Amino acid sequence: MRRSVTAAALLGVLLLWAEAPQAVPSSVVTTGKRSLKRRTLSITDANFNDVQVIHVAGGVPTTVSFRQPIRPESVILADTSNVFLPVKASEASIVLIPKRDLGRRSTTTLTVTLADGTIVPLVLSTLPSEADIGVDVDVALVKRAPAESATALKAAAAELRAELDECRADQGAAGVAKVAGLVLQQDISEPQVFERHQVGRRDKQERLLVEVRQVYRVFGQSYLLLTLENRDPSRTWVLDHPELAAAGGGQAVDVQVVSFQMDPVSLAPNEMAKVVVAFRTPPQGSTNSFRLRLLEKSGSRRVTLDGLSL
């Protein structure tokens, strides 16, 4: 008689599971000597190494729900003793039904992989006084999340933004420090040139209006300042790099560009940008005529200015 009653009860549970696997009580209820509960498990960087346990009981369906989508095909239940019925999994939940209680010293491992690649191990065990009828799992990892996960990408973006803001805040002081370093490198017994003069060269090429404004000379370096205006209504222009050559002795000699900067780095249609080209000042009297070329990044538009008096 007891076997038939137990079989009938188990059959009733199976029918309920097949018809409405997501229907679980939202509050604690008590059936006999074992209370059925619904809990929330939060998995964070702080408790990632802790064992997360789900309490199962014979004949009691346990629905494990995830706030993040999971890969149903990746669910692995290490059921070596054939205690559980086949696992039913979707992209949001897993339903577990053990045919009998697990032993007091017996546990089973459930491994779930989230859609972003995060692997979540869970341990299943049985308590005499309670069982989980529903468990909501919330995975909120940052440091331990896979590189391609949304959480990790957001954290990386926030970190990069903070570093960028810090660099921008320190930009002026960093420039002053670099100038101070240049001063230390100079031979104080030799005369130094501090010079600025207007260039005033203006040209239009490749739908770019280019105006060479000024040149500064200090501590053996020259800094050429120019402006660019993009008059192409449909294309953005980005500087790949500048090239500079000096005309002397009837031939052009390349001049090494030490550094260059453009602000903003991407020139939208009908917008204007400033460009600074830094190069080592040629020896006095060697030449005063230069050719400047500006090459477009990932494009064929090039600007060439000959006969610049710098």
Protein backbone atom coordinates (compact mmCIF):
# COMPACT_ATOMS: atom_id res chain seq x y z
CA MET A 1 0.00 0.00 0.00
CA ARG A 2 2.77 2.46 0.88
CA ARG A 3 4.54 1.78 -2.43
CA SER A 4 1.35 2.47 -4.42
CA VAL A 5 0.72 5.71 -2.52
CA THR A 6 4.30 6.87 -3.09
CA ALA A 7 4.12 5.99 -6.78
CA ALA A 8 0.84 7.87 -7.15
CA ALA A 9 2.30 10.96 -5.46
CA LEU A 10 5.36 10.89 -7.67
CA LEU A 11 3.17 10.48 -10.77
CA GLY A 12 1.15 13.52 -9.73
CA VAL A 13 4.35 15.59 -9.39
CA LEU A 14 5.50 14.51 -12.84
CA LEU A 15 2.19 15.53 -14.40
CA LEU A 16 2.34 18.95 -12.77
CA TRP A 17 5.95 19.41 -13.97
CA ALA A 18 5.08 18.51 -17.57
CA GLU A 19 2.10 20.87 -17.73
CA ALA A 20 3.46 23.93 -15.85
CA PRO A 21 7.19 23.67 -15.04
CA GLN A 22 7.52 27.38 -14.18
CA ALA A 23 4.67 27.50 -11.67
CA VAL A 24 6.31 27.63 -8.25
CA PRO A 25 5.10 29.18 -5.00
CA SER A 26 6.42 32.66 -4.24
CA SER A 27 6.30 32.16 -0.48
CA VAL A 28 7.34 29.46 1.98
CA VAL A 29 4.87 26.61 2.34
CA THR A 30 5.03 23.50 4.47
CA THR A 31 4.22 19.98 3.39
CA GLY A 32 4.58 17.40 6.09
CA LYS A 33 7.93 17.63 7.86
CA ARG A 34 9.78 19.42 5.01
CA SER A 35 9.28 23.11 4.21
CA LEU A 36 9.48 24.23 0.59
CA LYS A 37 11.30 27.50 -0.02
CA ARG A 38 12.17 29.92 -2.76
CA ARG A 39 15.55 31.61 -2.45
CA THR A 40 17.87 33.95 -4.35
CA LEU A 41 21.56 33.21 -4.91
CA SER A 42 23.76 36.20 -5.80
CA ILE A 43 27.13 35.24 -7.27
CA THR A 44 29.69 38.05 -7.18
CA ASP A 45 33.47 38.42 -7.32
CA ALA A 46 33.52 38.40 -3.51
CA ASN A 47 31.82 35.00 -3.10
CA PHE A 48 32.77 33.36 -6.41
CA ASN A 49 34.91 30.74 -4.68
CA ASP A 50 32.20 29.88 -2.14
CA VAL A 51 30.12 26.75 -2.64
CA GLN A 52 26.60 27.67 -3.81
CA VAL A 53 24.19 24.94 -2.68
CA ILE A 54 20.68 24.11 -3.90
CA HIS A 55 18.57 21.88 -1.65
CA VAL A 56 16.65 19.17 -3.53
CA ALA A 57 14.28 16.48 -2.28
CA GLY A 58 12.81 13.33 -3.72
CA GLY A 59 9.65 13.99 -5.75
CA VAL A 60 9.95 17.78 -5.39
CA PRO A 61 10.57 19.74 -8.63
CA THR A 62 13.13 22.51 -8.19
CA THR A 63 13.14 25.33 -10.74
CA VAL A 64 16.48 27.14 -11.02
CA SER A 65 15.95 30.48 -12.81
CA PHE A 66 18.69 32.75 -14.15
CA ARG A 67 18.51 36.50 -14.68
CA GLN A 68 21.05 36.18 -17.47
CA PRO A 69 20.34 33.91 -20.47
CA ILE A 70 22.00 30.50 -20.36
CA ARG A 71 23.04 27.92 -22.95
CA PRO A 72 20.56 25.05 -22.46
CA GLU A 73 22.76 22.60 -24.32
CA SER A 74 25.64 23.28 -21.91
CA VAL A 75 23.85 22.19 -18.73
CA ILE A 76 25.73 19.28 -17.14
CA LEU A 77 24.30 17.27 -14.24
CA ALA A 78 26.80 14.85 -12.69
CA ASP A 79 24.15 12.25 -11.80
CA THR A 80 26.29 9.13 -11.42
CA SER A 81 23.71 7.40 -9.19
CA ASN A 82 20.78 7.95 -11.56
CA VAL A 83 18.83 9.89 -8.95
CA PHE A 84 17.33 12.57 -11.21
CA LEU A 85 14.84 12.48 -14.03
CA PRO A 86 16.09 13.98 -17.32
CA VAL A 87 16.84 17.67 -16.88
CA LYS A 88 14.50 20.11 -18.61
CA ALA A 89 16.33 23.35 -19.56
CA SER A 90 15.46 26.53 -21.44
CA GLU A 91 17.34 29.78 -21.99
CA ALA A 92 16.06 31.11 -18.67
CA SER A 93 15.61 28.16 -16.31
CA ILE A 94 16.33 24.55 -15.39
CA VAL A 95 13.91 22.10 -13.76
CA LEU A 96 15.36 19.37 -11.54
CA ILE A 97 13.34 16.43 -10.20
CA PRO A 98 15.11 13.83 -8.05
CA LYS A 99 13.37 10.46 -7.78
CA ARG A 100 14.58 10.14 -4.21
CA ASP A 101 16.52 12.09 -1.61
CA LEU A 102 20.26 12.31 -1.90
CA GLY A 103 22.19 10.60 0.88
CA ARG A 104 23.33 12.58 3.90
CA ARG A 105 26.89 12.60 2.67
CA SER A 106 26.02 12.57 -1.01
CA THR A 107 26.08 15.62 -3.31
CA THR A 108 25.70 16.19 -7.04
CA THR A 109 27.22 18.95 -9.15
CA LEU A 110 25.21 21.03 -11.63
CA THR A 111 27.29 23.07 -14.10
CA VAL A 112 25.63 25.85 -16.11
CA THR A 113 27.20 28.06 -18.78
CA LEU A 114 25.72 31.51 -19.34
CA ALA A 115 25.28 32.91 -22.84
CA ASP A 116 28.34 35.15 -22.35
CA GLY A 117 30.56 32.17 -21.48
CA THR A 118 30.51 32.46 -17.68
CA ILE A 119 30.60 29.00 -16.08
CA VAL A 120 28.49 28.65 -12.91
CA PRO A 121 29.02 25.52 -10.76
CA LEU A 122 26.25 24.61 -8.27
CA VAL A 123 26.10 21.83 -5.69
CA LEU A 124 22.91 19.84 -5.08
CA SER A 125 22.26 18.28 -1.69
CA THR A 126 19.33 17.15 0.50
CA LEU A 127 18.30 18.51 3.89
CA PRO A 128 15.79 16.67 6.10
CA SER A 129 13.92 19.84 7.06
CA GLU A 130 13.61 21.87 3.85
CA ALA A 131 13.88 21.86 0.06
CA ASP A 132 14.11 24.54 -2.61
CA ILE A 133 11.12 24.68 -4.89
CA GLY A 134 12.56 27.71 -6.66
CA VAL A 135 16.03 29.33 -6.78
CA ASP A 136 16.75 32.62 -8.57
CA VAL A 137 20.41 32.87 -9.56
CA ASP A 138 21.87 36.32 -10.21
CA VAL A 139 25.44 36.35 -11.58
CA ALA A 140 27.09 39.75 -11.20
CA LEU A 141 30.78 39.19 -11.96
CA VAL A 142 33.17 41.93 -13.06
CA LYS A 143 36.78 40.81 -12.55
CA ARG A 144 36.04 37.14 -13.12
CA ALA A 145 33.65 37.63 -16.03
CA PRO A 146 34.75 36.55 -19.52
CA ALA A 147 36.28 39.31 -21.63
CA GLU A 148 33.37 39.25 -24.09
CA SER A 149 30.64 39.52 -21.44
CA ALA A 150 28.55 42.69 -21.23
CA THR A 151 29.56 43.27 -17.60
CA ALA A 152 33.26 42.99 -18.37
CA LEU A 153 32.95 45.26 -21.40
CA LYS A 154 31.13 47.90 -19.36
CA ALA A 155 33.76 47.71 -16.62
CA ALA A 156 36.60 47.99 -19.15
CA ALA A 157 34.93 50.97 -20.83
CA ALA A 158 34.46 52.71 -17.49
CA GLU A 159 38.10 52.08 -16.57
CA LEU A 160 39.36 53.42 -19.92
CA ARG A 161 37.13 56.49 -19.62
CA ALA A 162 38.50 57.18 -16.15
CA GLU A 163 42.08 56.87 -17.43
CA LEU A 164 41.28 59.17 -20.35
CA ASP A 165 39.74 61.77 -18.05
CA GLU A 166 42.82 61.56 -15.84
CA CYS A 167 45.11 62.06 -18.84
CA ARG A 168 43.11 65.04 -20.02
CA ALA A 169 43.14 66.57 -16.57
CA ASP A 170 46.92 66.19 -16.41
CA GLN A 171 47.57 67.25 -19.99
CA GLY A 172 48.58 70.82 -19.22
CA ALA A 173 50.91 69.85 -16.37
CA ALA A 174 52.45 67.10 -18.49
CA GLY A 175 53.21 69.61 -21.24
CA VAL A 176 54.90 71.93 -18.78
CA ALA A 177 56.97 69.04 -17.42
CA LYS A 178 58.12 68.13 -20.94
CA VAL A 179 59.21 71.69 -21.61
CA ALA A 180 61.11 71.68 -18.32
CA GLY A 181 62.85 68.50 -19.45
CA LEU A 182 63.87 70.21 -22.69
CA VAL A 183 65.34 73.08 -20.70
CA LEU A 184 67.47 70.66 -18.68
CA GLN A 185 68.85 69.10 -21.86
CA GLN A 186 70.16 72.38 -23.27
CA ASP A 187 73.78 73.49 -23.12
CA ILE A 188 73.56 76.72 -21.12
CA SER A 189 76.78 77.99 -22.69
CA GLU A 190 75.20 78.10 -26.16
CA PRO A 191 72.70 80.73 -27.33
CA GLN A 192 69.07 79.60 -27.64
CA VAL A 193 66.54 80.66 -30.25
CA PHE A 194 63.02 81.62 -29.17
CA GLU A 195 61.08 82.57 -32.24
CA ARG A 196 57.58 82.76 -33.65
CA HIS A 197 56.58 84.09 -37.02
CA GLN A 198 53.53 84.11 -39.24
CA VAL A 199 53.44 81.90 -42.33
CA GLY A 200 50.10 82.88 -43.80
CA ARG A 201 49.91 80.20 -46.50
CA ARG A 202 46.40 79.25 -47.62
CA ASP A 203 45.39 76.55 -50.12
CA LYS A 204 42.45 74.33 -51.06
CA GLN A 205 42.98 70.72 -52.12
CA GLU A 206 40.85 67.57 -52.06
CA ARG A 207 37.95 69.60 -50.63
CA LEU A 208 40.14 70.58 -47.69
CA LEU A 209 40.88 74.20 -46.90
CA VAL A 210 44.38 74.29 -45.42
CA GLU A 211 45.91 77.33 -43.78
CA VAL A 212 49.46 77.28 -42.43
CA ARG A 213 49.34 79.79 -39.60
CA GLN A 214 52.51 80.02 -37.53
CA VAL A 215 55.80 78.34 -36.76
CA TYR A 216 57.44 78.32 -33.32
CA ARG A 217 61.11 77.60 -32.67
CA VAL A 218 62.39 76.76 -29.20
CA PHE A 219 65.20 74.58 -27.85
CA GLY A 220 66.17 73.23 -31.25
CA GLN A 221 62.64 72.15 -32.18
CA SER A 222 60.15 73.71 -34.59
CA TYR A 223 56.38 73.51 -34.22
CA LEU A 224 54.26 74.19 -37.28
CA LEU A 225 50.65 75.17 -36.58
CA LEU A 226 47.99 74.86 -39.28
CA THR A 227 44.21 74.58 -39.54
CA LEU A 228 42.11 72.27 -41.69
CA GLU A 229 38.50 72.76 -42.78
CA ASN A 230 36.65 69.81 -44.30
CA ARG A 231 34.44 71.09 -47.13
CA ASP A 232 33.36 67.67 -48.31
CA PRO A 233 29.68 67.36 -47.25
CA SER A 234 29.69 63.56 -47.15
CA ARG A 235 33.12 62.34 -46.01
CA THR A 236 35.05 62.54 -42.76
CA TRP A 237 38.78 63.18 -42.97
CA VAL A 238 41.34 61.66 -40.60
CA LEU A 239 45.05 62.43 -40.66
CA ASP A 240 47.24 59.36 -40.94
CA HIS A 241 50.58 61.21 -40.77
CA PRO A 242 52.37 64.26 -42.15
CA GLU A 243 55.54 64.26 -44.23
CA LEU A 244 58.01 67.12 -44.36
CA ALA A 245 60.91 67.74 -46.75
CA ALA A 246 63.42 70.59 -47.06
CA ALA A 247 64.49 71.96 -50.44
CA GLY A 248 68.21 72.52 -50.55
CA GLY A 249 70.87 72.13 -53.22
CA GLY A 250 68.27 71.49 -55.91
CA GLN A 251 66.79 68.40 -54.22
CA ALA A 252 64.33 67.64 -51.47
CA VAL A 253 65.66 66.13 -48.26
CA ASP A 254 63.26 64.43 -45.85
CA VAL A 255 62.92 66.07 -42.46
CA GLN A 256 62.09 63.76 -39.57
CA VAL A 257 58.73 64.54 -37.97
CA VAL A 258 59.25 64.08 -34.25
CA SER A 259 55.58 64.34 -33.31
CA PHE A 260 52.23 65.50 -34.62
CA GLN A 261 48.81 66.04 -33.13
CA MET A 262 45.38 66.86 -34.52
CA ASP A 263 42.42 68.20 -32.55
CA PRO A 264 39.86 66.80 -33.07
CA VAL A 265 41.39 63.58 -34.41
CA SER A 266 38.47 63.07 -36.81
CA LEU A 267 37.38 65.95 -39.02
CA ALA A 268 33.65 65.81 -39.82
CA PRO A 269 32.12 67.63 -42.83
CA ASN A 270 32.07 71.43 -42.43
CA GLU A 271 34.18 71.22 -39.28
CA MET A 272 37.62 72.68 -38.52
CA ALA A 273 40.64 71.15 -36.81
CA LYS A 274 44.07 72.29 -35.66
CA VAL A 275 47.24 70.38 -36.48
CA VAL A 276 50.70 70.74 -34.95
CA VAL A 277 53.72 69.19 -36.68
CA ALA A 278 56.91 69.09 -34.60
CA PHE A 279 60.34 68.58 -36.19
CA ARG A 280 63.97 69.28 -35.39
CA THR A 281 64.98 72.71 -36.60
CA PRO A 282 67.43 72.47 -39.53
CA PRO A 283 70.83 74.22 -39.14
CA GLN A 284 70.64 77.95 -39.66
CA GLY A 285 71.10 79.01 -43.27
CA SER A 286 70.75 75.47 -44.69
CA THR A 287 67.32 76.06 -46.21
CA ASN A 288 64.18 78.09 -45.81
CA SER A 289 61.86 76.27 -48.21
CA PHE A 290 59.83 73.23 -47.19
CA ARG A 291 57.27 70.87 -48.65
CA LEU A 292 54.50 69.59 -46.38
CA ARG A 293 52.29 66.62 -47.21
CA LEU A 294 49.22 65.51 -45.23
CA LEU A 295 48.11 61.92 -45.88
CA GLU A 296 44.59 60.68 -45.19
CA LYS A 297 44.10 57.59 -43.06
CA SER A 298 42.40 54.72 -44.93
CA GLY A 299 41.88 57.00 -47.91
CA SER A 300 43.55 58.48 -50.99
CA ARG A 301 43.13 62.19 -50.34
CA ARG A 302 46.48 63.92 -49.93
CA VAL A 303 47.39 67.56 -49.51
CA THR A 304 50.76 68.87 -50.73
CA LEU A 305 52.07 72.35 -49.97
CA ASP A 306 55.33 73.36 -51.65
CA GLY A 307 57.54 76.37 -51.08
CA LEU A 308 56.71 76.93 -47.42
CA SER A 309 58.95 79.48 -45.76
CA LEU A 310 59.46 78.15 -42.27
